[in-house]
Amino acid sequence: MGIITDIVLPVSLAFIMISIGLTLTLGDFRRVAAQPRDFLIGAVSQIIVLPLVAFALVTAWRVEPVLAVGVMIIAAAPGGVTSNLLTLFARGDVALSVSLTAITSLLSVVTVPLIVVTAHQHFVAGSGGEVAGDLTVTGAVLKIFVIVTVPVLAGLAVRHTMPGFALRFEPLARRISAVLFVLVMVGAIYAERANIGSYFAQAGAITLTLNIAMMAIAFYGAAWLGMRRPQRIAIALECGLQNGTLAIAVAASLFHETLYAIPAAIYSLMMFGTALAFVFLVTRGRPAAV
């Protein structure tokens, strides 16, 4: 992807992850300790159930191996910062949403490499495909630590040492993050513009199915477990709105083929439409105080 991969993508991801760090306070960790059940259900839905649903779909769908890994990359990604804003609009538990976004982003330094490397070995190397570089869990952990954990910790340090500045800058950081996210997504699609119709035909239906199915599983599964409506809304949006920039960055840093990033770009195009539809459905006919 040329300049997109070499410059725009790493700068964009670093800024987005810093903005996540700006939202993270010690109160988030205390909240998790005070209400561990809500957080654990959300984290399990995001980190375990979502990749399992993605694996089942790509196995049943029989998509091209590289695209299958691409779907697993977006499924392994933590929630995006937009989930917090849409949770607010949907009258969900914003505190839970922020905690899930921030902490699963930190945990992604371990969870993403495990899922992605395992998926690559199963779908690509296992099918006789060529292994892309020296792909190991340790190597992937180190790369993701640099592009994810370090910026988040930097944002957390700013929030801790300069809370006034962090609170003033965080809304602007969200808007800048949204613009950078669009630039990365458009760049990924533009780089493969000649083949995007074919890729969309192969990965469009499965990514849309993954998105809708996972939001439904999270929302109704949380209801089955006895969670209140605001928490169910937060978890559903957290599982539906993935960090597409991180997914594209993982694809670009671990592999040398743009095709790995296409499912993340396609998923990112669709997820805002389905999330907005979800917000409309859960708020329709309900008073603002609910």
Protein backbone atom coordinates (compact mmCIF):
# COMPACT_ATOMS: atom_id res chain seq x y z
CA MET A 1 0.00 0.00 0.00
CA GLY A 2 3.07 2.25 -0.29
CA ILE A 3 2.77 5.54 1.60
CA ILE A 4 -0.42 4.35 3.30
CA THR A 5 1.36 1.38 4.89
CA ASP A 6 4.65 3.12 5.59
CA ILE A 7 3.45 6.46 6.96
CA VAL A 8 -0.31 7.05 7.24
CA LEU A 9 -1.17 3.69 8.82
CA PRO A 10 1.36 3.65 11.69
CA VAL A 11 0.81 7.34 12.49
CA SER A 12 -2.97 6.90 12.42
CA LEU A 13 -2.93 3.80 14.59
CA ALA A 14 -0.54 5.38 17.11
CA PHE A 15 -2.79 8.42 17.44
CA ILE A 16 -5.93 6.30 17.75
CA MET A 17 -4.38 4.13 20.45
CA ILE A 18 -3.12 7.23 22.30
CA SER A 19 -6.69 8.56 22.23
CA ILE A 20 -7.84 5.31 23.84
CA GLY A 21 -5.20 5.76 26.52
CA LEU A 22 -6.48 9.30 27.17
CA THR A 23 -9.85 7.84 28.19
CA LEU A 24 -8.34 5.30 30.59
CA THR A 25 -8.16 6.10 34.29
CA LEU A 26 -7.60 4.13 37.45
CA GLY A 27 -11.37 4.33 37.89
CA ASP A 28 -11.75 1.96 34.94
CA PHE A 29 -9.77 -0.71 36.75
CA ARG A 30 -11.66 -0.08 39.99
CA ARG A 31 -14.94 -0.32 38.08
CA VAL A 32 -13.91 -3.67 36.68
CA ALA A 33 -13.04 -4.87 40.18
CA ALA A 34 -16.35 -3.57 41.57
CA GLN A 35 -18.47 -5.06 38.77
CA PRO A 36 -16.40 -7.97 37.49
CA ARG A 37 -19.34 -9.97 36.11
CA ASP A 38 -20.38 -7.34 33.56
CA PHE A 39 -16.81 -6.85 32.41
CA LEU A 40 -16.05 -10.57 32.23
CA ILE A 41 -19.13 -11.28 30.12
CA GLY A 42 -18.18 -8.45 27.77
CA ALA A 43 -14.53 -9.48 27.59
CA VAL A 44 -15.35 -13.14 26.95
CA SER A 45 -17.82 -12.12 24.23
CA GLN A 46 -15.18 -9.92 22.59
CA ILE A 47 -12.03 -12.00 23.03
CA ILE A 48 -13.35 -15.59 22.82
CA VAL A 49 -16.87 -15.80 21.40
CA LEU A 50 -16.31 -13.38 18.50
CA PRO A 51 -13.24 -15.23 17.10
CA LEU A 52 -15.03 -18.57 17.54
CA VAL A 53 -18.04 -17.31 15.59
CA ALA A 54 -15.70 -15.96 12.90
CA PHE A 55 -13.85 -19.29 12.71
CA ALA A 56 -17.12 -21.19 12.34
CA LEU A 57 -18.26 -18.84 9.56
CA VAL A 58 -15.05 -18.93 7.51
CA THR A 59 -14.91 -22.72 7.88
CA ALA A 60 -18.50 -23.18 6.73
CA TRP A 61 -18.20 -20.51 4.01
CA ARG A 62 -15.04 -22.04 2.48
CA VAL A 63 -13.57 -18.67 1.54
CA GLU A 64 -10.08 -18.24 0.09
CA PRO A 65 -7.49 -19.01 2.84
CA VAL A 66 -5.95 -15.53 2.86
CA LEU A 67 -9.40 -13.93 3.14
CA ALA A 68 -10.25 -16.36 5.95
CA VAL A 69 -7.22 -15.11 7.88
CA GLY A 70 -8.30 -11.55 7.12
CA VAL A 71 -11.70 -12.23 8.67
CA MET A 72 -9.98 -13.70 11.74
CA ILE A 73 -7.82 -10.56 12.02
CA ILE A 74 -10.84 -8.25 12.25
CA ALA A 75 -12.50 -10.68 14.68
CA ALA A 76 -9.41 -10.67 16.88
CA ALA A 77 -9.21 -6.86 16.99
CA PRO A 78 -10.47 -5.09 20.12
CA GLY A 79 -13.41 -2.69 20.04
CA GLY A 80 -12.98 0.68 18.39
CA VAL A 81 -13.32 4.05 20.10
CA THR A 82 -16.55 4.75 18.18
CA SER A 83 -18.29 2.09 20.27
CA ASN A 84 -18.10 4.38 23.30
CA LEU A 85 -19.84 7.25 21.50
CA LEU A 86 -22.57 5.05 20.00
CA THR A 87 -23.13 3.42 23.39
CA LEU A 88 -23.85 6.91 24.72
CA PHE A 89 -26.33 7.54 21.88
CA ALA A 90 -27.96 4.15 22.53
CA ARG A 91 -28.31 4.90 26.27
CA GLY A 92 -26.05 2.04 27.17
CA ASP A 93 -23.46 1.72 29.93
CA VAL A 94 -20.74 4.07 28.67
CA ALA A 95 -18.42 3.32 31.60
CA LEU A 96 -18.53 -0.38 30.79
CA SER A 97 -17.93 0.36 27.11
CA VAL A 98 -14.88 2.53 27.86
CA SER A 99 -13.46 -0.09 30.21
CA LEU A 100 -13.92 -2.85 27.64
CA THR A 101 -12.35 -0.81 24.82
CA ALA A 102 -9.35 0.24 26.84
CA ILE A 103 -8.58 -3.01 28.62
CA THR A 104 -9.20 -5.33 25.65
CA SER A 105 -6.92 -3.02 23.65
CA LEU A 106 -4.19 -3.63 26.21
CA LEU A 107 -4.90 -7.37 26.22
CA SER A 108 -4.73 -7.46 22.42
CA VAL A 109 -0.94 -7.57 22.61
CA VAL A 110 -1.43 -11.25 23.55
CA THR A 111 -4.85 -12.17 22.19
CA VAL A 112 -4.39 -10.86 18.64
CA PRO A 113 -1.09 -12.69 17.94
CA LEU A 114 -2.45 -15.97 19.31
CA ILE A 115 -5.60 -15.82 17.19
CA VAL A 116 -3.97 -14.51 14.01
CA VAL A 117 -0.96 -16.83 14.02
CA THR A 118 -3.17 -19.84 14.78
CA ALA A 119 -5.55 -18.85 11.98
CA HIS A 120 -2.67 -18.40 9.53
CA GLN A 121 -1.23 -21.80 10.37
CA HIS A 122 -4.64 -23.42 9.97
CA PHE A 123 -5.95 -21.74 6.84
CA VAL A 124 -2.82 -20.78 4.87
CA ALA A 125 0.12 -22.91 5.98
CA GLY A 126 -2.20 -25.84 6.69
CA SER A 127 -3.61 -25.69 3.16
CA GLY A 128 -0.20 -25.82 1.57
CA GLY A 129 0.04 -22.07 1.13
CA GLU A 130 3.29 -20.19 1.43
CA VAL A 131 4.12 -18.94 4.91
CA ALA A 132 4.44 -15.16 4.91
CA GLY A 133 7.78 -14.40 6.50
CA ASP A 134 8.84 -15.72 9.87
CA LEU A 135 5.40 -15.60 11.48
CA THR A 136 5.57 -16.57 15.15
CA VAL A 137 3.52 -15.66 18.19
CA THR A 138 6.57 -14.05 19.84
CA GLY A 139 7.36 -11.93 16.81
CA ALA A 140 3.74 -10.87 16.46
CA VAL A 141 3.55 -10.00 20.17
CA LEU A 142 6.57 -7.71 19.86
CA LYS A 143 5.16 -5.93 16.80
CA ILE A 144 1.74 -5.44 18.35
CA PHE A 145 3.29 -4.30 21.64
CA VAL A 146 5.00 -1.47 19.76
CA ILE A 147 2.00 -0.41 17.68
CA VAL A 148 -0.70 -0.88 20.35
CA THR A 149 0.47 -1.10 23.95
CA VAL A 150 3.12 1.63 23.90
CA PRO A 151 0.75 4.30 22.49
CA VAL A 152 -2.05 3.31 24.91
CA LEU A 153 0.34 3.56 27.85
CA ALA A 154 1.53 6.93 26.54
CA GLY A 155 -2.05 8.18 26.47
CA LEU A 156 -2.64 6.80 29.97
CA ALA A 157 0.49 8.60 31.21
CA VAL A 158 -0.77 11.89 29.74
CA ARG A 159 -4.17 11.38 31.38
CA HIS A 160 -2.50 10.68 34.74
CA THR A 161 0.06 13.51 34.66
CA MET A 162 -2.01 16.16 32.81
CA PRO A 163 -5.67 15.30 33.46
CA GLY A 164 -6.94 18.77 32.56
CA PHE A 165 -5.24 18.75 29.16
CA ALA A 166 -6.34 15.15 28.52
CA LEU A 167 -9.99 15.95 29.23
CA ARG A 168 -9.91 19.00 26.96
CA PHE A 169 -8.06 17.25 24.15
CA GLU A 170 -9.89 13.89 24.22
CA PRO A 171 -13.01 15.05 22.27
CA LEU A 172 -10.78 16.52 19.54
CA ALA A 173 -8.68 13.34 19.57
CA ARG A 174 -11.81 11.30 18.87
CA ARG A 175 -12.67 13.44 15.85
CA ILE A 176 -9.12 13.27 14.51
CA SER A 177 -9.12 9.50 15.08
CA ALA A 178 -12.29 9.18 13.02
CA VAL A 179 -10.73 11.11 10.11
CA LEU A 180 -7.53 9.04 10.27
CA PHE A 181 -9.56 5.84 10.38
CA VAL A 182 -11.39 6.84 7.19
CA LEU A 183 -8.09 7.69 5.47
CA VAL A 184 -6.61 4.28 6.34
CA MET A 185 -9.72 2.42 5.22
CA VAL A 186 -9.97 4.34 1.94
CA GLY A 187 -6.25 3.79 1.35
CA ALA A 188 -6.55 0.04 1.85
CA ILE A 189 -9.47 -0.16 -0.56
CA TYR A 190 -7.80 2.16 -3.12
CA ALA A 191 -4.68 0.01 -3.15
CA GLU A 192 -6.80 -2.94 -4.29
CA ARG A 193 -9.33 -0.96 -6.33
CA ALA A 194 -8.89 -3.17 -9.40
CA ASN A 195 -9.98 -6.24 -7.45
CA ILE A 196 -12.30 -4.73 -4.84
CA GLY A 197 -15.45 -5.97 -6.59
CA SER A 198 -14.18 -9.54 -6.51
CA TYR A 199 -13.02 -9.22 -2.90
CA PHE A 200 -16.34 -7.71 -1.84
CA ALA A 201 -18.16 -10.59 -3.50
CA GLN A 202 -15.98 -13.05 -1.55
CA ALA A 203 -15.79 -11.32 1.83
CA GLY A 204 -18.78 -8.94 1.91
CA ALA A 205 -21.45 -11.42 2.89
CA ILE A 206 -19.36 -13.20 5.50
CA THR A 207 -18.20 -9.99 7.21
CA LEU A 208 -21.76 -8.64 7.28
CA THR A 209 -23.02 -11.94 8.70
CA LEU A 210 -20.27 -11.92 11.33
CA ASN A 211 -21.11 -8.37 12.36
CA ILE A 212 -24.86 -8.85 12.70
CA ALA A 213 -24.62 -12.33 14.23
CA MET A 214 -22.14 -11.23 16.87
CA MET A 215 -24.14 -8.18 17.95
CA ALA A 216 -27.23 -10.39 18.26
CA ILE A 217 -25.35 -13.09 20.18
CA ALA A 218 -23.84 -10.50 22.55
CA PHE A 219 -27.14 -8.67 23.15
CA TYR A 220 -29.39 -11.68 23.64
CA GLY A 221 -26.71 -13.80 25.28
CA ALA A 222 -26.18 -11.09 27.89
CA ALA A 223 -29.95 -10.97 28.42
CA TRP A 224 -29.98 -14.74 28.96
CA LEU A 225 -27.26 -14.25 31.58
CA GLY A 226 -29.47 -11.74 33.39
CA MET A 227 -27.66 -8.52 32.49
CA ARG A 228 -29.54 -5.22 32.47
CA ARG A 229 -30.35 -3.45 29.20
CA PRO A 230 -27.65 -0.69 29.38
CA GLN A 231 -24.92 -3.30 29.86
CA ARG A 232 -26.31 -5.48 27.06
CA ILE A 233 -26.25 -2.50 24.70
CA ALA A 234 -22.65 -1.69 25.60
CA ILE A 235 -21.47 -5.26 25.04
CA ALA A 236 -23.34 -5.63 21.74
CA LEU A 237 -21.80 -2.44 20.32
CA GLU A 238 -18.38 -3.38 21.65
CA CYS A 239 -18.58 -6.68 19.78
CA GLY A 240 -19.91 -5.07 16.61
CA LEU A 241 -17.59 -2.07 16.27
CA GLN A 242 -14.05 -3.36 15.87
CA ASN A 243 -10.81 -1.37 15.68
CA GLY A 244 -10.48 -1.55 11.89
CA THR A 245 -7.29 0.52 11.84
CA LEU A 246 -5.60 -1.94 14.19
CA ALA A 247 -6.79 -4.87 12.07
CA ILE A 248 -5.39 -3.29 8.89
CA ALA A 249 -2.14 -2.46 10.71
CA VAL A 250 -1.79 -6.06 11.91
CA ALA A 251 -2.36 -7.32 8.37
CA ALA A 252 0.21 -4.89 6.99
CA SER A 253 2.86 -5.55 9.64
CA LEU A 254 2.61 -9.35 9.77
CA PHE A 255 2.00 -10.10 6.08
CA HIS A 256 3.19 -8.74 2.76
CA GLU A 257 -0.07 -9.13 0.87
CA THR A 258 -2.78 -6.45 0.86
CA LEU A 259 -5.48 -9.09 0.51
CA TYR A 260 -5.18 -9.88 4.23
CA ALA A 261 -6.45 -6.36 5.04
CA ILE A 262 -9.47 -6.39 2.71
CA PRO A 263 -11.95 -8.11 5.10
CA ALA A 264 -11.09 -5.52 7.77
CA ALA A 265 -11.71 -2.68 5.33
CA ILE A 266 -15.00 -4.19 4.14
CA TYR A 267 -16.13 -4.93 7.70
CA SER A 268 -15.32 -1.35 8.66
CA LEU A 269 -17.48 -0.02 5.84
CA MET A 270 -20.45 -2.07 7.02
CA MET A 271 -20.19 -1.89 10.80
CA PHE A 272 -21.26 1.73 11.17
CA GLY A 273 -24.45 1.12 9.21
CA THR A 274 -25.40 -1.91 11.27
CA ALA A 275 -24.41 -0.18 14.53
CA LEU A 276 -26.55 2.87 13.71
CA ALA A 277 -29.45 0.56 12.86
CA PHE A 278 -28.93 -1.17 16.22
CA VAL A 279 -28.92 2.18 18.05
CA PHE A 280 -32.18 3.13 16.31
CA LEU A 281 -33.81 -0.17 17.24
CA VAL A 282 -32.83 -0.13 20.93
CA THR A 283 -33.82 3.52 21.42
CA ARG A 284 -37.02 3.53 19.36
CA GLY A 285 -40.00 4.52 21.49
CA ARG A 286 -37.90 4.74 24.69
CA PRO A 287 -37.59 7.89 26.80
CA ALA A 288 -34.14 9.47 27.08
CA ALA A 289 -33.84 8.53 30.74
CA VAL A 290 -34.00 4.79 30.02
